[in-house]
Amino acid sequence: MPFGVFALLYMIGMTVPLEATPHYHNFMSRIWNWTEILILLAAVFYIIKTRTFRWRQAVAALLLGAVCMVAVFRDPRTADIIVTSLCVAAAFYAGCRLYELAEVENVSVHAGLAGSIRYFCLGAVVSIPLAFLNVLYFSFSRRIHVGNVLYSAVFALKPAIAEEVVFRFFLLAYAYYLIHGKPTKSFQNICIYVLLTVPHEMLHYPDMILESPILGLGLGILGSAVFGLPMALLMKRRNLQMAVGLHWFIDFVRFAAGV
């Protein structure tokens, strides 16, 4: 069901002329924003459905959403940033509730501040080879020039937090909820990893797919295997903090290198 809904949304987003939605400057930004809205609505639905309030989880959700908002405060597309921040807050809180309903231990929520920082740093350390591989890839088409390192570090928090919370933390909790606990079959595990890697990665390539379908699909598959899968593995086998740390360092090095 989730794959079908995403595939339908993806095809509609690529079919409707871009001129019909002048707010978006390319197909990627439009499909990405539509997907976030879809997940936001799903998260709100499950928040209402559970009818149980956890104030600690709510505070953490609001803080994560606020960090995403602050990290990109200079971005001119304010409306989309607000949607992303709301989606992060709702997806995190709904994800926490779905973990509880599925009776799956959520290490991310119970790690504490010191533990969260430690896991974040571990994730960053693990990502070092991937970070420089990513810069090497972009260097083939762009010139490397070191920019504002501090700004790059802050700006990288937005994609790291938003994408890991929305496209992995929440979707993993949703998958556990649907199968009523931890996966017991290899096929279920494969489906979960596909859910945590393919939709997020393919959101990067609609414009390229329209220009060159084979190249776009090929890069989507390669990106899913090289970058998406390690993040999904950390999310499923470790916790959100390590996945965010890995994602953050990859983007931080890329932004700092100006590519």
Foldseek 3Di string as FASTA:
>chain_A
DVVVVLVVLLVVLLPPDCVVPVLDPDSLLVSVLVVLVVLLVVLVVLVVVLPDDDVLQLVVLLVLLVLLCVLPVVDPSNVSSNSLSSSSSSLSSSLVSLCVQLVHDACASVLDDVSLVVLLVLLQVVQVVVLVVLLVVVVVPDPWDFDDLVSLLSNLLNCLSSLLSRQASSLLSVLSSVVSHDDDDPVSVVVNLCSSQQSVLLSVQSVVCVVPVVVSVVVSVVCSVSPRNVLNCCCVVPHSSSSSSSSSNSSSSNVRRVD
